[in-house]
PDB file of N, CA and C in Angstrom:
ATOM      1  N   MET A   1       0.850  -1.180   0.000  1.00  0.00           N
ATOM      2  CA  MET A   1       0.000   0.000   0.000  1.00  0.00           C
ATOM      3  C   MET A   1       0.891   1.238   0.000  1.00  0.00           C
ATOM      4  N   PRO A   2       0.859   2.019  -1.093  1.00  0.00           N
ATOM      5  CA  PRO A   2       1.654   3.251  -1.104  1.00  0.00           C
ATOM      6  C   PRO A   2       1.097   4.287  -0.123  1.00  0.00           C
ATOM      7  N   VAL A   3       1.978   4.819   0.679  1.00  0.00           N
ATOM      8  CA  VAL A   3       1.641   5.926   1.571  1.00  0.00           C
ATOM      9  C   VAL A   3       2.492   7.105   1.137  1.00  0.00           C
ATOM     10  N   ILE A   4       1.854   8.230   0.896  1.00  0.00           N
ATOM     11  CA  ILE A   4       2.550   9.422   0.420  1.00  0.00           C
ATOM     12  C   ILE A   4       2.624  10.416   1.561  1.00  0.00           C
ATOM     13  N   ARG A   5       3.814  10.817   1.910  1.00  0.00           N
ATOM     14  CA  ARG A   5       4.028  11.792   2.979  1.00  0.00           C
ATOM     15  C   ARG A   5       4.100  13.185   2.355  1.00  0.00           C
ATOM     16  N   ALA A   6       3.200  14.054   2.754  1.00  0.00           N
ATOM     17  CA  ALA A   6       3.142  15.406   2.188  1.00  0.00           C
ATOM     18  C   ALA A   6       4.475  16.128   2.313  1.00  0.00           C
ATOM     19  N   ALA A   7       5.182  15.894   3.396  1.00  0.00           N
ATOM     20  CA  ALA A   7       6.461  16.574   3.622  1.00  0.00           C
ATOM     21  C   ALA A   7       7.554  16.097   2.672  1.00  0.00           C
ATOM     22  N   GLU A   8       7.315  14.986   1.966  1.00  0.00           N
ATOM     23  CA  GLU A   8       8.342  14.406   1.103  1.00  0.00           C
ATOM     24  C   GLU A   8       8.116  14.657  -0.384  1.00  0.00           C
ATOM     25  N   VAL A   9       7.041  15.335  -0.748  1.00  0.00           N
ATOM     26  CA  VAL A   9       6.778  15.579  -2.170  1.00  0.00           C
ATOM     27  C   VAL A   9       7.173  17.000  -2.552  1.00  0.00           C
ATOM     28  N   GLU A  10       7.510  17.164  -3.816  1.00  0.00           N
ATOM     29  CA  GLU A  10       7.915  18.471  -4.338  1.00  0.00           C
ATOM     30  C   GLU A  10       6.685  19.279  -4.730  1.00  0.00           C
ATOM     31  N   SER A  11       6.635  20.520  -4.287  1.00  0.00           N
ATOM     32  CA  SER A  11       5.538  21.420  -4.662  1.00  0.00           C
ATOM     33  C   SER A  11       5.912  22.193  -5.915  1.00  0.00           C
ATOM     34  N   HIS A  12       4.892  22.686  -6.612  1.00  0.00           N
ATOM     35  CA  HIS A  12       5.077  23.448  -7.843  1.00  0.00           C
ATOM     36  C   HIS A  12       4.349  24.784  -7.706  1.00  0.00           C
ATOM     37  N   LEU A  13       4.993  25.851  -8.146  1.00  0.00           N
ATOM     38  CA  LEU A  13       4.387  27.185  -8.114  1.00  0.00           C
ATOM     39  C   LEU A  13       3.897  27.554  -9.504  1.00  0.00           C
ATOM     40  N   MET A  14       2.663  28.044  -9.587  1.00  0.00           N
ATOM     41  CA  MET A  14       2.115  28.487 -10.870  1.00  0.00           C
ATOM     42  C   MET A  14       0.996  29.481 -10.610  1.00  0.00           C
ATOM     43  N   HIS A  15       1.045  30.613 -11.294  1.00  0.00           N
ATOM     44  CA  HIS A  15      -0.019  31.615 -11.245  1.00  0.00           C
ATOM     45  C   HIS A  15      -0.381  32.034  -9.819  1.00  0.00           C
ATOM     46  N   GLY A  16       0.612  32.175  -8.956  1.00  0.00           N
ATOM     47  CA  GLY A  16       0.363  32.640  -7.598  1.00  0.00           C
ATOM     48  C   GLY A  16      -0.152  31.591  -6.643  1.00  0.00           C
ATOM     49  N   SER A  17      -0.101  30.334  -7.057  1.00  0.00           N
ATOM     50  CA  SER A  17      -0.588  29.246  -6.210  1.00  0.00           C
ATOM     51  C   SER A  17       0.466  28.155  -6.097  1.00  0.00           C
ATOM     52  N   THR A  18       0.361  27.363  -5.027  1.00  0.00           N
ATOM     53  CA  THR A  18       1.275  26.248  -4.803  1.00  0.00           C
ATOM     54  C   THR A  18       0.508  24.943  -4.947  1.00  0.00           C
ATOM     55  N   PHE A  19       0.999  24.074  -5.816  1.00  0.00           N
ATOM     56  CA  PHE A  19       0.387  22.780  -6.092  1.00  0.00           C
ATOM     57  C   PHE A  19       1.275  21.697  -5.480  1.00  0.00           C
ATOM     58  N   THR A  20       0.723  20.899  -4.575  1.00  0.00           N
ATOM     59  CA  THR A  20       1.480  19.827  -3.931  1.00  0.00           C
ATOM     60  C   THR A  20       0.850  18.494  -4.309  1.00  0.00           C
ATOM     61  N   PRO A  21       1.480  17.747  -5.233  1.00  0.00           N
ATOM     62  CA  PRO A  21       0.909  16.479  -5.680  1.00  0.00           C
ATOM     63  C   PRO A  21       1.033  15.405  -4.613  1.00  0.00           C
ATOM     64  N   LEU A  22      -0.059  14.703  -4.378  1.00  0.00           N
ATOM     65  CA  LEU A  22      -0.072  13.631  -3.389  1.00  0.00           C
ATOM     66  C   LEU A  22      -0.297  12.270  -4.044  1.00  0.00           C
ATOM     67  N   VAL A  23      -1.312  12.167  -4.876  1.00  0.00           N
ATOM     68  CA  VAL A  23      -1.631  10.915  -5.561  1.00  0.00           C
ATOM     69  C   VAL A  23      -1.479  11.159  -7.055  1.00  0.00           C
ATOM     70  N   ARG A  24      -0.659  10.324  -7.694  1.00  0.00           N
ATOM     71  CA  ARG A  24      -0.416  10.420  -9.143  1.00  0.00           C
ATOM     72  C   ARG A  24       0.370   9.181  -9.556  1.00  0.00           C
ATOM     73  N   PRO A  25       0.626   8.992 -10.841  1.00  0.00           N
ATOM     74  CA  PRO A  25       1.326   7.779 -11.262  1.00  0.00           C
ATOM     75  C   PRO A  25       2.665   7.544 -10.551  1.00  0.00           C
ATOM     76  N   THR A  26       3.419   8.590 -10.306  1.00  0.00           N
ATOM     77  CA  THR A  26       4.723   8.394  -9.662  1.00  0.00           C
ATOM     78  C   THR A  26       4.608   7.991  -8.196  1.00  0.00           C
ATOM     79  N   THR A  27       3.400   8.100  -7.623  1.00  0.00           N
ATOM     80  CA  THR A  27       3.202   7.657  -6.240  1.00  0.00           C
ATOM     81  C   THR A  27       2.315   6.411  -6.174  1.00  0.00           C
ATOM     82  N   GLY A  28       2.054   5.783  -7.329  1.00  0.00           N
ATOM     83  CA  GLY A  28       1.363   4.504  -7.335  1.00  0.00           C
ATOM     84  C   GLY A  28      -0.051   4.479  -7.870  1.00  0.00           C
ATOM     85  N   SER A  29      -0.583   5.595  -8.335  1.00  0.00           N
ATOM     86  CA  SER A  29      -1.956   5.624  -8.835  1.00  0.00           C
ATOM     87  C   SER A  29      -1.985   5.419 -10.346  1.00  0.00           C
ATOM     88  N   ALA A  30      -2.890   4.587 -10.808  1.00  0.00           N
ATOM     89  CA  ALA A  30      -3.021   4.339 -12.240  1.00  0.00           C
ATOM     90  C   ALA A  30      -4.020   5.271 -12.910  1.00  0.00           C
ATOM     91  N   GLU A  31      -5.013   5.770 -12.166  1.00  0.00           N
ATOM     92  CA  GLU A  31      -6.095   6.522 -12.788  1.00  0.00           C
ATOM     93  C   GLU A  31      -6.382   7.880 -12.171  1.00  0.00           C
ATOM     94  N   LEU A  32      -6.079   8.055 -10.892  1.00  0.00           N
ATOM     95  CA  LEU A  32      -6.484   9.276 -10.189  1.00  0.00           C
ATOM     96  C   LEU A  32      -5.291  10.119  -9.770  1.00  0.00           C
ATOM     97  N   CYS A  33      -5.521  11.410  -9.717  1.00  0.00           N
ATOM     98  CA  CYS A  33      -4.546  12.349  -9.171  1.00  0.00           C
ATOM     99  C   CYS A  33      -5.244  13.199  -8.112  1.00  0.00           C
ATOM    100  N   VAL A  34      -4.536  13.447  -7.027  1.00  0.00           N
ATOM    101  CA  VAL A  34      -5.034  14.314  -5.962  1.00  0.00           C
ATOM    102  C   VAL A  34      -3.892  15.236  -5.578  1.00  0.00           C
ATOM    103  N   TRP A  35      -4.194  16.531  -5.472  1.00  0.00           N
ATOM    104  CA  TRP A  35      -3.178  17.473  -5.028  1.00  0.00           C
ATOM    105  C   TRP A  35      -3.791  18.502  -4.100  1.00  0.00           C
ATOM    106  N   ARG A  36      -2.913  19.075  -3.269  1.00  0.00           N
ATOM    107  CA  ARG A  36      -3.318  20.172  -2.388  1.00  0.00           C
ATOM    108  C   ARG A  36      -2.943  21.462  -3.104  1.00  0.00           C
ATOM    109  N   LEU A  37      -3.897  22.355  -3.185  1.00  0.00           N
ATOM    110  CA  LEU A  37      -3.709  23.647  -3.835  1.00  0.00           C
ATOM    111  C   LEU A  37      -3.791  24.732  -2.775  1.00  0.00           C
ATOM    112  N   GLU A  38      -2.730  25.506  -2.650  1.00  0.00           N
ATOM    113  CA  GLU A  38      -2.725  26.631  -1.716  1.00  0.00           C
ATOM    114  C   GLU A  38      -2.742  27.911  -2.537  1.00  0.00           C
ATOM    115  N   ILE A  39      -3.780  28.713  -2.317  1.00  0.00           N
ATOM    116  CA  ILE A  39      -3.975  29.941  -3.084  1.00  0.00           C
ATOM    117  C   ILE A  39      -3.696  31.121  -2.165  1.00  0.00           C
ATOM    118  N   ALA A  40      -2.721  31.922  -2.549  1.00  0.00           N
ATOM    119  CA  ALA A  40      -2.323  33.073  -1.739  1.00  0.00           C
ATOM    120  C   ALA A  40      -3.435  34.118  -1.698  1.00  0.00           C
ATOM    121  N   PRO A  41      -3.478  34.908  -0.632  1.00  0.00           N
ATOM    122  CA  PRO A  41      -4.470  35.986  -0.544  1.00  0.00           C
ATOM    123  C   PRO A  41      -4.358  36.934  -1.745  1.00  0.00           C
ATOM    124  N   GLY A  42      -5.497  37.367  -2.242  1.00  0.00           N
ATOM    125  CA  GLY A  42      -5.521  38.324  -3.343  1.00  0.00           C
ATOM    126  C   GLY A  42      -5.241  37.736  -4.711  1.00  0.00           C
ATOM    127  N   THR A  43      -5.178  36.420  -4.830  1.00  0.00           N
ATOM    128  CA  THR A  43      -4.861  35.771  -6.106  1.00  0.00           C
ATOM    129  C   THR A  43      -6.115  35.595  -6.953  1.00  0.00           C
ATOM    130  N   LYS A  44      -6.057  36.110  -8.172  1.00  0.00           N
ATOM    131  CA  LYS A  44      -7.119  35.883  -9.151  1.00  0.00           C
ATOM    132  C   LYS A  44      -6.631  34.794 -10.093  1.00  0.00           C
ATOM    133  N   GLY A  45      -7.363  33.709 -10.167  1.00  0.00           N
ATOM    134  CA  GLY A  45      -6.950  32.579 -10.985  1.00  0.00           C
ATOM    135  C   GLY A  45      -6.978  32.889 -12.468  1.00  0.00           C
ATOM    136  N   VAL A  46      -6.223  32.098 -13.215  1.00  0.00           N
ATOM    137  CA  VAL A  46      -6.153  32.228 -14.667  1.00  0.00           C
ATOM    138  C   VAL A  46      -7.196  31.293 -15.278  1.00  0.00           C
ATOM    139  N   ALA A  47      -8.075  31.843 -16.082  1.00  0.00           N
ATOM    140  CA  ALA A  47      -9.111  31.031 -16.729  1.00  0.00           C
ATOM    141  C   ALA A  47      -8.459  30.046 -17.696  1.00  0.00           C
ATOM    142  N   HIS A  48      -8.970  28.818 -17.688  1.00  0.00           N
ATOM    143  CA  HIS A  48      -8.455  27.790 -18.580  1.00  0.00           C
ATOM    144  C   HIS A  48      -9.526  26.727 -18.811  1.00  0.00           C
ATOM    145  N   ARG A  49      -9.414  26.067 -19.972  1.00  0.00           N
ATOM    146  CA  ARG A  49     -10.336  24.977 -20.316  1.00  0.00           C
ATOM    147  C   ARG A  49      -9.692  23.667 -19.860  1.00  0.00           C
ATOM    148  N   ILE A  50     -10.487  22.816 -19.206  1.00  0.00           N
ATOM    149  CA  ILE A  50      -9.967  21.544 -18.710  1.00  0.00           C
ATOM    150  C   ILE A  50     -10.403  20.399 -19.623  1.00  0.00           C
ATOM    151  N   ASN A  51      -9.503  19.421 -19.827  1.00  0.00           N
ATOM    152  CA  ASN A  51      -9.832  18.323 -20.741  1.00  0.00           C
ATOM    153  C   ASN A  51     -10.499  17.142 -20.040  1.00  0.00           C
ATOM    154  N   GLY A  52     -10.559  17.193 -18.704  1.00  0.00           N
ATOM    155  CA  GLY A  52     -11.192  16.123 -17.933  1.00  0.00           C
ATOM    156  C   GLY A  52     -11.928  16.712 -16.749  1.00  0.00           C
ATOM    157  N   GLU A  53     -12.768  15.912 -16.160  1.00  0.00           N
ATOM    158  CA  GLU A  53     -13.505  16.361 -14.976  1.00  0.00           C
ATOM    159  C   GLU A  53     -12.526  16.682 -13.844  1.00  0.00           C
ATOM    160  N   GLU A  54     -12.844  17.721 -13.070  1.00  0.00           N
ATOM    161  CA  GLU A  54     -11.995  18.133 -11.953  1.00  0.00           C
ATOM    162  C   GLU A  54     -12.906  18.446 -10.767  1.00  0.00           C
ATOM    163  N   ALA A  55     -12.523  17.965  -9.586  1.00  0.00           N
ATOM    164  CA  ALA A  55     -13.324  18.187  -8.382  1.00  0.00           C
ATOM    165  C   ALA A  55     -12.495  18.931  -7.343  1.00  0.00           C
ATOM    166  N   PHE A  56     -13.157  19.794  -6.578  1.00  0.00           N
ATOM    167  CA  PHE A  56     -12.509  20.666  -5.602  1.00  0.00           C
ATOM    168  C   PHE A  56     -13.238  20.560  -4.267  1.00  0.00           C
ATOM    169  N   VAL A  57     -12.480  20.483  -3.174  1.00  0.00           N
ATOM    170  CA  VAL A  57     -13.040  20.551  -1.824  1.00  0.00           C
ATOM    171  C   VAL A  57     -12.234  21.604  -1.075  1.00  0.00           C
ATOM    172  N   LEU A  58     -12.908  22.659  -0.630  1.00  0.00           N
ATOM    173  CA  LEU A  58     -12.221  23.720   0.102  1.00  0.00           C
ATOM    174  C   LEU A  58     -11.993  23.266   1.538  1.00  0.00           C
ATOM    175  N   LEU A  59     -10.726  23.260   1.954  1.00  0.00           N
ATOM    176  CA  LEU A  59     -10.370  22.849   3.312  1.00  0.00           C
ATOM    177  C   LEU A  59     -10.321  24.030   4.264  1.00  0.00           C
ATOM    178  N   SER A  60      -9.781  25.159   3.790  1.00  0.00           N
ATOM    179  CA  SER A  60      -9.693  26.346   4.648  1.00  0.00           C
ATOM    180  C   SER A  60      -9.668  27.598   3.786  1.00  0.00           C
ATOM    181  N   GLY A  61     -10.081  28.711   4.383  1.00  0.00           N
ATOM    182  CA  GLY A  61     -10.138  29.975   3.664  1.00  0.00           C
ATOM    183  C   GLY A  61     -11.468  30.139   2.952  1.00  0.00           C
ATOM    184  N   ASP A  62     -11.512  31.091   2.052  1.00  0.00           N
ATOM    185  CA  ASP A  62     -12.699  31.365   1.239  1.00  0.00           C
ATOM    186  C   ASP A  62     -12.238  31.620  -0.184  1.00  0.00           C
ATOM    187  N   ILE A  63     -12.880  30.982  -1.149  1.00  0.00           N
ATOM    188  CA  ILE A  63     -12.551  31.210  -2.548  1.00  0.00           C
ATOM    189  C   ILE A  63     -13.836  31.384  -3.348  1.00  0.00           C
ATOM    190  N   THR A  64     -13.657  31.845  -4.573  1.00  0.00           N
ATOM    191  CA  THR A  64     -14.740  31.780  -5.546  1.00  0.00           C
ATOM    192  C   THR A  64     -14.254  30.892  -6.683  1.00  0.00           C
ATOM    193  N   ILE A  65     -15.180  30.128  -7.232  1.00  0.00           N
ATOM    194  CA  ILE A  65     -14.876  29.299  -8.385  1.00  0.00           C
ATOM    195  C   ILE A  65     -15.814  29.714  -9.505  1.00  0.00           C
ATOM    196  N   THR A  66     -15.266  29.847 -10.692  1.00  0.00           N
ATOM    197  CA  THR A  66     -16.060  30.184 -11.868  1.00  0.00           C
ATOM    198  C   THR A  66     -15.974  29.010 -12.832  1.00  0.00           C
ATOM    199  N   ILE A  67     -17.139  28.462 -13.180  1.00  0.00           N
ATOM    200  CA  ILE A  67     -17.235  27.357 -14.128  1.00  0.00           C
ATOM    201  C   ILE A  67     -18.178  27.793 -15.231  1.00  0.00           C
ATOM    202  N   GLU A  68     -17.652  27.887 -16.447  1.00  0.00           N
ATOM    203  CA  GLU A  68     -18.449  28.301 -17.603  1.00  0.00           C
ATOM    204  C   GLU A  68     -19.196  29.609 -17.345  1.00  0.00           C
ATOM    205  N   GLY A  69     -18.505  30.577 -16.735  1.00  0.00           N
ATOM    206  CA  GLY A  69     -19.062  31.905 -16.531  1.00  0.00           C
ATOM    207  C   GLY A  69     -19.931  32.072 -15.303  1.00  0.00           C
ATOM    208  N   GLU A  70     -20.217  30.994 -14.590  1.00  0.00           N
ATOM    209  CA  GLU A  70     -21.031  31.069 -13.372  1.00  0.00           C
ATOM    210  C   GLU A  70     -20.110  31.026 -12.156  1.00  0.00           C
ATOM    211  N   THR A  71     -20.128  32.100 -11.364  1.00  0.00           N
ATOM    212  CA  THR A  71     -19.242  32.226 -10.210  1.00  0.00           C
ATOM    213  C   THR A  71     -19.991  31.918  -8.925  1.00  0.00           C
ATOM    214  N   SER A  72     -19.354  31.100  -8.077  1.00  0.00           N
ATOM    215  CA  SER A  72     -19.945  30.728  -6.787  1.00  0.00           C
ATOM    216  C   SER A  72     -18.886  30.807  -5.697  1.00  0.00           C
ATOM    217  N   PRO A  73     -19.260  31.322  -4.519  1.00  0.00           N
ATOM    218  CA  PRO A  73     -18.325  31.292  -3.394  1.00  0.00           C
ATOM    219  C   PRO A  73     -18.301  29.890  -2.783  1.00  0.00           C
ATOM    220  N   LEU A  74     -17.142  29.508  -2.249  1.00  0.00           N
ATOM    221  CA  LEU A  74     -17.026  28.257  -1.508  1.00  0.00           C
ATOM    222  C   LEU A  74     -16.536  28.576  -0.104  1.00  0.00           C
ATOM    223  N   ALA A  75     -17.122  27.917   0.874  1.00  0.00           N
ATOM    224  CA  ALA A  75     -16.698  28.005   2.267  1.00  0.00           C
ATOM    225  C   ALA A  75     -16.064  26.667   2.638  1.00  0.00           C
ATOM    226  N   PRO A  76     -15.283  26.622   3.712  1.00  0.00           N
ATOM    227  CA  PRO A  76     -14.656  25.359   4.096  1.00  0.00           C
ATOM    228  C   PRO A  76     -15.673  24.218   4.189  1.00  0.00           C
ATOM    229  N   GLY A  77     -15.316  23.098   3.569  1.00  0.00           N
ATOM    230  CA  GLY A  77     -16.195  21.933   3.517  1.00  0.00           C
ATOM    231  C   GLY A  77     -17.020  21.855   2.253  1.00  0.00           C
ATOM    232  N   ASP A  78     -17.154  22.970   1.520  1.00  0.00           N
ATOM    233  CA  ASP A  78     -17.906  22.969   0.266  1.00  0.00           C
ATOM    234  C   ASP A  78     -17.094  22.292  -0.834  1.00  0.00           C
ATOM    235  N   ALA A  79     -17.802  21.760  -1.821  1.00  0.00           N
ATOM    236  CA  ALA A  79     -17.169  21.102  -2.957  1.00  0.00           C
ATOM    237  C   ALA A  79     -17.777  21.611  -4.251  1.00  0.00           C
ATOM    238  N   ALA A  80     -17.016  21.475  -5.330  1.00  0.00           N
ATOM    239  CA  ALA A  80     -17.501  21.830  -6.663  1.00  0.00           C
ATOM    240  C   ALA A  80     -16.925  20.829  -7.656  1.00  0.00           C
ATOM    241  N   VAL A  81     -17.683  20.572  -8.713  1.00  0.00           N
ATOM    242  CA  VAL A  81     -17.235  19.683  -9.780  1.00  0.00           C
ATOM    243  C   VAL A  81     -17.317  20.446 -11.092  1.00  0.00           C
ATOM    244  N   ALA A  82     -16.207  20.455 -11.822  1.00  0.00           N
ATOM    245  CA  ALA A  82     -16.163  21.100 -13.131  1.00  0.00           C
ATOM    246  C   ALA A  82     -16.145  20.007 -14.197  1.00  0.00           C
ATOM    247  N   PRO A  83     -17.111  20.022 -15.116  1.00  0.00           N
ATOM    248  CA  PRO A  83     -17.151  18.990 -16.144  1.00  0.00           C
ATOM    249  C   PRO A  83     -16.032  19.148 -17.166  1.00  0.00           C
ATOM    250  N   ALA A  84     -15.654  18.046 -17.764  1.00  0.00           N
ATOM    251  CA  ALA A  84     -14.654  18.069 -18.829  1.00  0.00           C
ATOM    252  C   ALA A  84     -15.080  19.055 -19.909  1.00  0.00           C
ATOM    253  N   GLY A  85     -14.122  19.810 -20.418  1.00  0.00           N
ATOM    254  CA  GLY A  85     -14.385  20.766 -21.485  1.00  0.00           C
ATOM    255  C   GLY A  85     -14.801  22.139 -21.017  1.00  0.00           C
ATOM    256  N   SER A  86     -15.012  22.315 -19.719  1.00  0.00           N
ATOM    257  CA  SER A  86     -15.463  23.615 -19.219  1.00  0.00           C
ATOM    258  C   SER A  86     -14.291  24.570 -19.003  1.00  0.00           C
ATOM    259  N   ILE A  87     -14.602  25.855 -19.017  1.00  0.00           N
ATOM    260  CA  ILE A  87     -13.625  26.898 -18.694  1.00  0.00           C
ATOM    261  C   ILE A  87     -13.816  27.239 -17.227  1.00  0.00           C
ATOM    262  N   ILE A  88     -12.705  27.189 -16.478  1.00  0.00           N
ATOM    263  CA  ILE A  88     -12.778  27.405 -15.036  1.00  0.00           C
ATOM    264  C   ILE A  88     -11.714  28.393 -14.567  1.00  0.00           C
ATOM    265  N   SER A  89     -11.940  28.965 -13.396  1.00  0.00           N
ATOM    266  CA  SER A  89     -10.912  29.727 -12.681  1.00  0.00           C
ATOM    267  C   SER A  89     -11.290  29.754 -11.209  1.00  0.00           C
ATOM    268  N   LEU A  90     -10.272  29.882 -10.364  1.00  0.00           N
ATOM    269  CA  LEU A  90     -10.461  30.007  -8.921  1.00  0.00           C
ATOM    270  C   LEU A  90      -9.824  31.308  -8.484  1.00  0.00           C
ATOM    271  N   ALA A  91     -10.397  31.950  -7.484  1.00  0.00           N
ATOM    272  CA  ALA A  91      -9.836  33.194  -6.961  1.00  0.00           C
ATOM    273  C   ALA A  91      -9.937  33.196  -5.445  1.00  0.00           C
ATOM    274  N   ASN A  92      -8.910  33.738  -4.824  1.00  0.00           N
ATOM    275  CA  ASN A  92      -8.917  33.948  -3.375  1.00  0.00           C
ATOM    276  C   ASN A  92      -8.782  35.441  -3.150  1.00  0.00           C
ATOM    277  N   LEU A  93      -9.893  36.121  -2.996  1.00  0.00           N
ATOM    278  CA  LEU A  93      -9.880  37.567  -2.807  1.00  0.00           C
ATOM    279  C   LEU A  93      -9.829  37.940  -1.334  1.00  0.00           C
ATOM    280  N   ALA A  94      -9.749  36.939  -0.472  1.00  0.00           N
ATOM    281  CA  ALA A  94      -9.684  37.166   0.975  1.00  0.00           C
ATOM    282  C   ALA A  94      -8.269  37.583   1.387  1.00  0.00           C
ATOM    283  N   GLU A  95      -8.119  37.905   2.658  1.00  0.00           N
ATOM    284  CA  GLU A  95      -6.825  38.341   3.184  1.00  0.00           C
ATOM    285  C   GLU A  95      -6.051  37.209   3.841  1.00  0.00           C
ATOM    286  N   ILE A  96      -6.578  35.982   3.745  1.00  0.00           N
ATOM    287  CA  ILE A  96      -5.882  34.821   4.295  1.00  0.00           C
ATOM    288  C   ILE A  96      -5.727  33.770   3.199  1.00  0.00           C
ATOM    289  N   PRO A  97      -4.725  32.888   3.304  1.00  0.00           N
ATOM    290  CA  PRO A  97      -4.561  31.830   2.302  1.00  0.00           C
ATOM    291  C   PRO A  97      -5.757  30.880   2.297  1.00  0.00           C
ATOM    292  N   ALA A  98      -5.949  30.229   1.169  1.00  0.00           N
ATOM    293  CA  ALA A  98      -6.985  29.202   1.039  1.00  0.00           C
ATOM    294  C   ALA A  98      -6.313  27.890   0.653  1.00  0.00           C
ATOM    295  N   THR A  99      -6.841  26.791   1.176  1.00  0.00           N
ATOM    296  CA  THR A  99      -6.318  25.465   0.844  1.00  0.00           C
ATOM    297  C   THR A  99      -7.451  24.628   0.270  1.00  0.00           C
ATOM    298  N   VAL A 100      -7.185  24.051  -0.896  1.00  0.00           N
ATOM    299  CA  VAL A 100      -8.181  23.275  -1.627  1.00  0.00           C
ATOM    300  C   VAL A 100      -7.591  21.900  -1.939  1.00  0.00           C
ATOM    301  N   MET A 101      -8.364  20.846  -1.764  1.00  0.00           N
ATOM    302  CA  MET A 101      -7.971  19.523  -2.222  1.00  0.00           C
ATOM    303  C   MET A 101      -8.626  19.332  -3.583  1.00  0.00           C
ATOM    304  N   VAL A 102      -7.823  18.908  -4.565  1.00  0.00           N
ATOM    305  CA  VAL A 102      -8.298  18.811  -5.947  1.00  0.00           C
ATOM    306  C   VAL A 102      -8.025  17.405  -6.472  1.00  0.00           C
ATOM    307  N   THR A 103      -8.923  16.902  -7.290  1.00  0.00           N
ATOM    308  CA  THR A 103      -8.710  15.613  -7.936  1.00  0.00           C
ATOM    309  C   THR A 103      -9.098  15.705  -9.410  1.00  0.00           C
ATOM    310  N   ALA A 104      -8.355  14.953 -10.219  1.00  0.00           N
ATOM    311  CA  ALA A 104      -8.594  14.896 -11.660  1.00  0.00           C
ATOM    312  C   ALA A 104      -7.983  13.590 -12.168  1.00  0.00           C
ATOM    313  N   PRO A 105      -8.306  13.194 -13.392  1.00  0.00           N
ATOM    314  CA  PRO A 105      -7.737  11.956 -13.923  1.00  0.00           C
ATOM    315  C   PRO A 105      -6.263  12.116 -14.304  1.00  0.00           C
ATOM    316  N   VAL A 106      -5.549  11.004 -14.305  1.00  0.00           N
ATOM    317  CA  VAL A 106      -4.166  10.984 -14.780  1.00  0.00           C
ATOM    318  C   VAL A 106      -4.128  11.535 -16.206  1.00  0.00           C
ATOM    319  N   GLY A 107      -3.115  12.324 -16.524  1.00  0.00           N
ATOM    320  CA  GLY A 107      -2.959  12.880 -17.860  1.00  0.00           C
ATOM    321  C   GLY A 107      -3.767  14.131 -18.120  1.00  0.00           C
ATOM    322  N   PHE A 108      -4.416  14.635 -17.104  1.00  0.00           N
ATOM    323  CA  PHE A 108      -5.237  15.845 -17.168  1.00  0.00           C
ATOM    324  C   PHE A 108      -4.423  17.013 -17.738  1.00  0.00           C
ATOM    325  N   THR A 109      -5.024  17.794 -18.631  1.00  0.00           N
ATOM    326  CA  THR A 109      -4.375  18.999 -19.153  1.00  0.00           C
ATOM    327  C   THR A 109      -5.347  20.168 -19.108  1.00  0.00           C
ATOM    328  N   GLY A 110      -4.784  21.345 -19.224  1.00  0.00           N
ATOM    329  CA  GLY A 110      -5.571  22.562 -19.317  1.00  0.00           C
ATOM    330  C   GLY A 110      -5.124  23.361 -20.523  1.00  0.00           C
ATOM    331  N   GLU A 111      -6.008  24.190 -21.023  1.00  0.00           N
ATOM    332  CA  GLU A 111      -5.670  25.064 -22.143  1.00  0.00           C
ATOM    333  C   GLU A 111      -6.010  26.494 -21.751  1.00  0.00           C
ATOM    334  N   LEU A 112      -4.979  27.344 -21.713  1.00  0.00           N
ATOM    335  CA  LEU A 112      -5.212  28.753 -21.423  1.00  0.00           C
ATOM    336  C   LEU A 112      -6.012  29.369 -22.558  1.00  0.00           C
ATOM    337  N   LEU A 113      -6.624  30.503 -22.303  1.00  0.00           N
ATOM    338  CA  LEU A 113      -7.488  31.116 -23.312  1.00  0.00           C
ATOM    339  C   LEU A 113      -6.721  31.585 -24.538  1.00  0.00           C
ATOM    340  N   ASP A 114      -5.382  31.704 -24.430  1.00  0.00           N
ATOM    341  CA  ASP A 114      -4.577  32.067 -25.598  1.00  0.00           C
ATOM    342  C   ASP A 114      -4.161  30.846 -26.413  1.00  0.00           C
ATOM    343  N   GLY A 115      -4.639  29.655 -26.009  1.00  0.00           N
ATOM    344  CA  GLY A 115      -4.337  28.425 -26.729  1.00  0.00           C
ATOM    345  C   GLY A 115      -3.159  27.639 -26.177  1.00  0.00           C
ATOM    346  N   THR A 116      -2.444  28.185 -25.207  1.00  0.00           N
ATOM    347  CA  THR A 116      -1.313  27.485 -24.601  1.00  0.00           C
ATOM    348  C   THR A 116      -1.811  26.261 -23.836  1.00  0.00           C
ATOM    349  N   ILE A 117      -1.227  25.107 -24.127  1.00  0.00           N
ATOM    350  CA  ILE A 117      -1.575  23.875 -23.422  1.00  0.00           C
ATOM    351  C   ILE A 117      -0.683  23.746 -22.192  1.00  0.00           C
ATOM    352  N   VAL A 118      -1.304  23.483 -21.046  1.00  0.00           N
ATOM    353  CA  VAL A 118      -0.578  23.286 -19.796  1.00  0.00           C
ATOM    354  C   VAL A 118      -0.688  21.810 -19.429  1.00  0.00           C
ATOM    355  N   ASN A 119       0.471  21.161 -19.332  1.00  0.00           N
ATOM    356  CA  ASN A 119       0.542  19.755 -18.952  1.00  0.00           C
ATOM    357  C   ASN A 119       1.132  19.704 -17.550  1.00  0.00           C
ATOM    358  N   PRO A 120       0.301  19.839 -16.514  1.00  0.00           N
ATOM    359  CA  PRO A 120       0.826  19.990 -15.159  1.00  0.00           C
ATOM    360  C   PRO A 120       1.591  18.759 -14.680  1.00  0.00           C
ATOM    361  N   PRO A 121       2.769  18.964 -14.101  1.00  0.00           N
ATOM    362  CA  PRO A 121       3.562  17.825 -13.630  1.00  0.00           C
ATOM    363  C   PRO A 121       2.903  17.069 -12.485  1.00  0.00           C
ATOM    364  N   TRP A 122       1.955  17.690 -11.790  1.00  0.00           N
ATOM    365  CA  TRP A 122       1.323  17.013 -10.657  1.00  0.00           C
ATOM    366  C   TRP A 122       0.251  16.012 -11.071  1.00  0.00           C
ATOM    367  N   VAL A 123       0.022  15.821 -12.368  1.00  0.00           N
ATOM    368  CA  VAL A 123      -0.939  14.802 -12.813  1.00  0.00           C
ATOM    369  C   VAL A 123      -0.278  13.743 -13.699  1.00  0.00           C
ATOM    370  N   ASN A 124       1.024  13.672 -13.646  1.00  0.00           N
ATOM    371  CA  ASN A 124       1.769  12.698 -14.465  1.00  0.00           C
ATOM    372  C   ASN A 124       2.723  11.893 -13.608  1.00  0.00           C
TER     373      ASN A 124
END
């Protein structure tokens, strides 16, 4: 049984947020990826189209999530699911950091609105 220690994995910085991969192929998962996302205060997320379903559970702080133009606030314990093909963004407009647990399928990619494909290392 693979056990992943959060203190032993490498985090990645992108667009003002820290992505800490926990479950992914390099840690023993064949199909699922799970990462902790820490969003700094005042961070407005970058809109992007996702190629697979993505789920979010807010652990701490307050964020807003926009899925296909519809924006909703999330409080700790709330969850959201973004369908494959949707355009999404997350924002933390609060004065404290927010922590989100995120899951998506292995090989998940995003496409920025300028057409740039993002192949995040935390899902491979």
